[in-house]
Structures are given as C-alpha cells and as structure tokens.
C-alpha atoms as a PDB file:
ATOM      1  CA  UNK A   1     -30.788  -2.871  19.336  1.00  0.00           C
ATOM      2  CA  UNK A   2     -30.801   0.848  19.421  1.00  0.00           C
ATOM      3  CA  UNK A   3     -27.675   0.894  21.476  1.00  0.00           C
ATOM      4  CA  UNK A   4     -25.866  -1.161  18.888  1.00  0.00           C
ATOM      5  CA  UNK A   5     -26.818   1.349  16.259  1.00  0.00           C
ATOM      6  CA  UNK A   6     -25.546   4.113  18.490  1.00  0.00           C
ATOM      7  CA  UNK A   7     -22.217   2.419  19.067  1.00  0.00           C
ATOM      8  CA  UNK A   8     -21.839   1.779  15.350  1.00  0.00           C
ATOM      9  CA  UNK A   9     -22.612   5.357  14.658  1.00  0.00           C
ATOM     10  CA  UNK A  10     -20.102   6.596  17.149  1.00  0.00           C
ATOM     11  CA  UNK A  11     -17.411   4.364  15.746  1.00  0.00           C
ATOM     12  CA  UNK A  12     -18.065   5.657  12.182  1.00  0.00           C
ATOM     13  CA  UNK A  13     -18.003   9.285  13.475  1.00  0.00           C
ATOM     14  CA  UNK A  14     -14.790   8.711  15.543  1.00  0.00           C
ATOM     15  CA  UNK A  15     -13.123   7.037  12.599  1.00  0.00           C
ATOM     16  CA  UNK A  16     -13.939   9.933  10.214  1.00  0.00           C
ATOM     17  CA  UNK A  17     -12.596  12.387  12.755  1.00  0.00           C
ATOM     18  CA  UNK A  18      -9.394  10.561  13.721  1.00  0.00           C
ATOM     19  CA  UNK A  19      -8.396   9.037  10.287  1.00  0.00           C
ATOM     20  CA  UNK A  20      -7.132  10.129   6.952  1.00  0.00           C
ATOM     21  CA  UNK A  21      -7.710   8.289   3.581  1.00  0.00           C
ATOM     22  CA  UNK A  22      -4.729   7.946   1.347  1.00  0.00           C
ATOM     23  CA  UNK A  23      -3.976   6.629  -2.181  1.00  0.00           C
ATOM     24  CA  UNK A  24      -0.573   5.527  -3.212  1.00  0.00           C
ATOM     25  CA  UNK A  25       1.022   4.751  -6.581  1.00  0.00           C
ATOM     26  CA  UNK A  26       4.120   2.597  -6.062  1.00  0.00           C
ATOM     27  CA  UNK A  27       6.468   1.388  -8.819  1.00  0.00           C
ATOM     28  CA  UNK A  28       9.361  -1.022  -7.791  1.00  0.00           C
ATOM     29  CA  UNK A  29      12.056  -3.382  -9.084  1.00  0.00           C
ATOM     30  CA  UNK A  30      12.751  -6.852  -7.900  1.00  0.00           C
ATOM     31  CA  UNK A  31      15.714  -9.053  -8.130  1.00  0.00           C
ATOM     32  CA  UNK A  32      14.033 -11.739 -10.028  1.00  0.00           C
ATOM     33  CA  UNK A  33      15.512 -13.057 -13.272  1.00  0.00           C
ATOM     34  CA  UNK A  34      14.470 -11.492 -16.557  1.00  0.00           C
ATOM     35  CA  UNK A  35      14.362  -8.215 -18.521  1.00  0.00           C
ATOM     36  CA  UNK A  36      13.888  -4.845 -16.968  1.00  0.00           C
ATOM     37  CA  UNK A  37      10.095  -5.042 -17.613  1.00  0.00           C
ATOM     38  CA  UNK A  38       9.995  -8.472 -16.180  1.00  0.00           C
ATOM     39  CA  UNK A  39      11.608  -7.211 -12.995  1.00  0.00           C
ATOM     40  CA  UNK A  40       9.465  -4.116 -12.758  1.00  0.00           C
ATOM     41  CA  UNK A  41       6.149  -4.083 -10.968  1.00  0.00           C
ATOM     42  CA  UNK A  42       3.536  -1.497  -9.930  1.00  0.00           C
ATOM     43  CA  UNK A  43       0.726  -1.136  -7.366  1.00  0.00           C
ATOM     44  CA  UNK A  44      -1.965   1.194  -6.496  1.00  0.00           C
ATOM     45  CA  UNK A  45      -3.087   1.222  -2.755  1.00  0.00           C
ATOM     46  CA  UNK A  46      -5.938   2.948  -0.960  1.00  0.00           C
ATOM     47  CA  UNK A  47      -6.255   2.924   2.787  1.00  0.00           C
ATOM     48  CA  UNK A  48      -6.799   4.683   6.009  1.00  0.00           C
ATOM     49  CA  UNK A  49      -4.277   6.141   8.464  1.00  0.00           C
ATOM     50  CA  UNK A  50      -4.931   6.442  12.127  1.00  0.00           C
ATOM     51  CA  UNK A  51      -1.943   8.304  13.970  1.00  0.00           C
ATOM     52  CA  UNK A  52       1.007   5.862  13.491  1.00  0.00           C
ATOM     53  CA  UNK A  53      -0.916   2.987  12.127  1.00  0.00           C
ATOM     54  CA  UNK A  54      -2.445   2.570   8.600  1.00  0.00           C
ATOM     55  CA  UNK A  55      -4.303  -0.207   6.765  1.00  0.00           C
ATOM     56  CA  UNK A  56      -4.358  -0.354   2.967  1.00  0.00           C
ATOM     57  CA  UNK A  57      -5.638  -2.459   0.186  1.00  0.00           C
ATOM     58  CA  UNK A  58      -3.140  -2.913  -2.584  1.00  0.00           C
ATOM     59  CA  UNK A  59      -3.859  -4.007  -6.247  1.00  0.00           C
ATOM     60  CA  UNK A  60      -0.854  -4.583  -8.388  1.00  0.00           C
ATOM     61  CA  UNK A  61       1.120  -6.686 -10.796  1.00  0.00           C
ATOM     62  CA  UNK A  62       4.142  -8.816  -9.809  1.00  0.00           C
ATOM     63  CA  UNK A  63       5.635  -8.205 -13.258  1.00  0.00           C
ATOM     64  CA  UNK A  64       5.151  -5.725 -16.119  1.00  0.00           C
ATOM     65  CA  UNK A  65       6.746  -8.266 -18.637  1.00  0.00           C
ATOM     66  CA  UNK A  66       4.810  -9.575 -21.573  1.00  0.00           C
ATOM     67  CA  UNK A  67       2.204 -12.184 -20.480  1.00  0.00           C
ATOM     68  CA  UNK A  68       1.661 -15.280 -22.584  1.00  0.00           C
ATOM     69  CA  UNK A  69      -1.539 -17.367 -21.710  1.00  0.00           C
ATOM     70  CA  UNK A  70      -3.176 -16.637 -18.423  1.00  0.00           C
ATOM     71  CA  UNK A  71      -2.048 -13.589 -16.576  1.00  0.00           C
ATOM     72  CA  UNK A  72      -0.450 -14.753 -13.244  1.00  0.00           C
ATOM     73  CA  UNK A  73       0.833 -11.441 -12.256  1.00  0.00           C
ATOM     74  CA  UNK A  74      -2.166  -9.609 -10.785  1.00  0.00           C
ATOM     75  CA  UNK A  75      -2.516  -9.565  -6.915  1.00  0.00           C
ATOM     76  CA  UNK A  76      -4.553  -8.063  -4.151  1.00  0.00           C
ATOM     77  CA  UNK A  77      -2.963  -7.604  -0.849  1.00  0.00           C
ATOM     78  CA  UNK A  78      -3.894  -6.314   2.717  1.00  0.00           C
ATOM     79  CA  UNK A  79      -1.132  -4.015   4.013  1.00  0.00           C
ATOM     80  CA  UNK A  80      -0.968  -2.941   7.656  1.00  0.00           C
ATOM     81  CA  UNK A  81       1.750  -0.457   8.218  1.00  0.00           C
ATOM     82  CA  UNK A  82       3.318   1.024  11.386  1.00  0.00           C
ATOM     83  CA  UNK A  83       5.207   4.217  11.565  1.00  0.00           C
ATOM     84  CA  UNK A  84       8.206   3.254  13.823  1.00  0.00           C
ATOM     85  CA  UNK A  85      10.025   6.555  14.327  1.00  0.00           C
ATOM     86  CA  UNK A  86       9.598  10.097  13.161  1.00  0.00           C
ATOM     87  CA  UNK A  87      12.028  12.862  13.156  1.00  0.00           C
ATOM     88  CA  UNK A  88      10.734  16.271  11.516  1.00  0.00           C
ATOM     89  CA  UNK A  89       9.328  15.446   8.137  1.00  0.00           C
ATOM     90  CA  UNK A  90      10.981  11.962   7.958  1.00  0.00           C
ATOM     91  CA  UNK A  91       9.296   8.749   9.193  1.00  0.00           C
ATOM     92  CA  UNK A  92      10.607   5.113   9.270  1.00  0.00           C
ATOM     93  CA  UNK A  93       7.844   2.723   8.220  1.00  0.00           C
ATOM     94  CA  UNK A  94       7.400  -1.084   8.623  1.00  0.00           C
ATOM     95  CA  UNK A  95       4.767  -3.047   6.631  1.00  0.00           C
ATOM     96  CA  UNK A  96       3.827  -6.732   6.965  1.00  0.00           C
ATOM     97  CA  UNK A  97       1.374  -7.624   4.269  1.00  0.00           C
ATOM     98  CA  UNK A  98      -0.577 -10.693   3.021  1.00  0.00           C
ATOM     99  CA  UNK A  99      -2.202 -11.138  -0.371  1.00  0.00           C
ATOM    100  CA  UNK A 100      -3.409 -13.461  -3.167  1.00  0.00           C
ATOM    101  CA  UNK A 101      -1.992 -13.734  -6.622  1.00  0.00           C
ATOM    102  CA  UNK A 102      -4.687 -14.527  -9.139  1.00  0.00           C
ATOM    103  CA  UNK A 103      -4.203 -17.640 -11.386  1.00  0.00           C
ATOM    104  CA  UNK A 104      -0.729 -18.455  -9.916  1.00  0.00           C
ATOM    105  CA  UNK A 105       0.548 -21.683  -8.585  1.00  0.00           C
ATOM    106  CA  UNK A 106       2.281 -19.757  -5.926  1.00  0.00           C
ATOM    107  CA  UNK A 107      -0.823 -17.802  -5.044  1.00  0.00           C
ATOM    108  CA  UNK A 108      -0.152 -16.804  -1.354  1.00  0.00           C
ATOM    109  CA  UNK A 109       2.040 -13.686  -1.100  1.00  0.00           C
ATOM    110  CA  UNK A 110       3.446 -12.231   2.166  1.00  0.00           C
ATOM    111  CA  UNK A 111       5.540  -9.079   2.405  1.00  0.00           C
ATOM    112  CA  UNK A 112       7.959  -7.556   4.923  1.00  0.00           C
ATOM    113  CA  UNK A 113       8.937  -4.016   4.011  1.00  0.00           C
ATOM    114  CA  UNK A 114      10.832  -1.218   5.659  1.00  0.00           C
ATOM    115  CA  UNK A 115      11.047   2.437   4.346  1.00  0.00           C
ATOM    116  CA  UNK A 116      11.615   6.056   4.778  1.00  0.00           C
ATOM    117  CA  UNK A 117       8.747   8.454   4.166  1.00  0.00           C
ATOM    118  CA  UNK A 118       9.138  12.227   3.629  1.00  0.00           C
ATOM    119  CA  UNK A 119       6.143  14.471   4.207  1.00  0.00           C
ATOM    120  CA  UNK A 120       6.490  17.053   1.455  1.00  0.00           C
ATOM    121  CA  UNK A 121       3.093  18.619   2.621  1.00  0.00           C
ATOM    122  CA  UNK A 122       0.134  17.456   4.674  1.00  0.00           C
ATOM    123  CA  UNK A 123      -1.309  15.963   1.536  1.00  0.00           C
ATOM    124  CA  UNK A 124       1.741  14.657  -0.425  1.00  0.00           C
ATOM    125  CA  UNK A 125       4.219  12.136   0.934  1.00  0.00           C
ATOM    126  CA  UNK A 126       7.077  10.336  -0.781  1.00  0.00           C
ATOM    127  CA  UNK A 127       8.364   6.986   0.292  1.00  0.00           C
ATOM    128  CA  UNK A 128      11.635   5.011  -0.479  1.00  0.00           C
ATOM    129  CA  UNK A 129      11.417   1.436   0.647  1.00  0.00           C
ATOM    130  CA  UNK A 130      12.809  -2.132   0.261  1.00  0.00           C
ATOM    131  CA  UNK A 131      11.790  -5.471   1.379  1.00  0.00           C
ATOM    132  CA  UNK A 132      10.985  -9.105   0.452  1.00  0.00           C
ATOM    133  CA  UNK A 133       7.959 -10.775  -1.131  1.00  0.00           C
ATOM    134  CA  UNK A 134       7.469 -14.469  -0.195  1.00  0.00           C
ATOM    135  CA  UNK A 135       5.312 -16.548  -2.578  1.00  0.00           C
ATOM    136  CA  UNK A 136       4.030 -19.964  -1.717  1.00  0.00           C
ATOM    137  CA  UNK A 137       1.729 -22.579  -3.283  1.00  0.00           C
ATOM    138  CA  UNK A 138       0.870 -26.185  -2.724  1.00  0.00           C
ATOM    139  CA  UNK A 139       4.038 -27.750  -3.891  1.00  0.00           C
ATOM    140  CA  UNK A 140       6.683 -24.892  -4.107  1.00  0.00           C
ATOM    141  CA  UNK A 141       7.647 -21.473  -2.770  1.00  0.00           C
ATOM    142  CA  UNK A 142      10.017 -18.600  -3.734  1.00  0.00           C
ATOM    143  CA  UNK A 143      10.974 -15.113  -2.663  1.00  0.00           C
ATOM    144  CA  UNK A 144      12.271 -11.942  -4.178  1.00  0.00           C
ATOM    145  CA  UNK A 145      13.684  -8.767  -2.717  1.00  0.00           C
ATOM    146  CA  UNK A 146      12.623  -5.349  -4.095  1.00  0.00           C
ATOM    147  CA  UNK A 147      13.236  -1.678  -4.013  1.00  0.00           C
ATOM    148  CA  UNK A 148      10.676   0.953  -4.726  1.00  0.00           C
ATOM    149  CA  UNK A 149       9.391   4.417  -4.337  1.00  0.00           C
ATOM    150  CA  UNK A 150       5.899   5.688  -3.977  1.00  0.00           C
ATOM    151  CA  UNK A 151       3.884   8.919  -3.895  1.00  0.00           C
ATOM    152  CA  UNK A 152       1.069   9.106  -1.443  1.00  0.00           C
ATOM    153  CA  UNK A 153      -1.916  11.581  -1.498  1.00  0.00           C
ATOM    154  CA  UNK A 154      -3.710  12.103   1.887  1.00  0.00           C
ATOM    155  CA  UNK A 155      -7.157  13.447   2.032  1.00  0.00           C
ATOM    156  CA  UNK A 156      -9.985  13.615   4.507  1.00  0.00           C
ATOM    157  CA  UNK A 157     -13.476  12.192   3.692  1.00  0.00           C
ATOM    158  CA  UNK A 158     -14.808  15.756   3.884  1.00  0.00           C
ATOM    159  CA  UNK A 159     -12.088  17.093   1.582  1.00  0.00           C
ATOM    160  CA  UNK A 160     -11.801  14.626  -1.237  1.00  0.00           C
ATOM    161  CA  UNK A 161     -10.010  16.935  -3.635  1.00  0.00           C
ATOM    162  CA  UNK A 162      -7.331  18.476  -1.494  1.00  0.00           C
ATOM    163  CA  UNK A 163      -5.144  19.826  -4.258  1.00  0.00           C
ATOM    164  CA  UNK A 164      -7.830  22.003  -5.742  1.00  0.00           C
ATOM    165  CA  UNK A 165      -7.727  25.409  -4.037  1.00  0.00           C
ATOM    166  CA  UNK A 166     -10.918  26.985  -2.741  1.00  0.00           C
ATOM    167  CA  UNK A 167     -12.524  29.524  -4.956  1.00  0.00           C
ATOM    168  CA  UNK A 168     -11.520  33.130  -4.360  1.00  0.00           C
ATOM    169  CA  UNK A 169     -14.181  35.408  -3.001  1.00  0.00           C
END
C-alpha cells in the first residue's frame, strides 16, 4: 500500500512540474438560423497543458438568445487538444471534444475544431478557430459550423497570479 501512495505522489509532483494550468474565454458565432444573439455563444474553459497536449473542461452556452421555458443552451464539455505544428509564436491546433447539453432533446454534443494560436507572451495566448458541433439525441440530430476567437491565460500552480508583478525590494 505504501508503494501505491509513493507512485501517486510522484505522479502528482511530475504533473505539477510538467504541466501548466490555463483558463480561456471563447466567444463564437455559428451558422444556425436566428438573430445575431441566437447565433452567438460563449464558453469558459479551464484545463491543463502538457507539452503539445492539453485537456480542458468547458462550460458554455450554445446560444445567447432569449430563452423561453427551460434553458436548453447550457453545456459541459471535455476538450482534448493537440498542438499539431508550431512555427515561432504560431501554433496549429486540433480539438475533438465531447459534451452534454442540459435539458436538451439533442443532448450529446461532439466537436471537431482547428485553429491558429498566437503566443503573445508566456502567459497570454490568442486563438482563432473554426469547426463543427454535432448534436444528437434519441430521435434526431443536427450540426452547426462555427467561427470564434479566444483569449487564454496560462499559469503554473505555484504562480496563480502571473500578471501581478512581484513587489519591488
């Protein structure tokens, strides 16, 4: 039993040394029918990045339009991401996500996304991306394409506030 605790402790230590935590705000527009607000959506993602692979948990809304009755726009998604190619401060990204839309008849959501990420600094990255959401339920399914942009803030667990400079001595 002691060896199991030691292995778990080593994995946690290695994860904290080799990974960065990130938070991302991502507004986007879909090609679904409706007003601009009905086409717009937004998401907040928090996750961990290990070298070229990251895994995030995304909480968002499929539409910012006015909701009547039960809200069927809130979703939670698991988003693995792979950095395919990097040239200087630019990176080509690929994401294949899976999620659940609460109270919706088409409650299973899958995602395929490609994007270009720009590393403004070590802590701040910008991403422009496009892709497709696939929604499915018991009796019907649909899909929409989307275009969006995100701002990502990277920080290490030991440095939770990277944008606040250290006090001058």
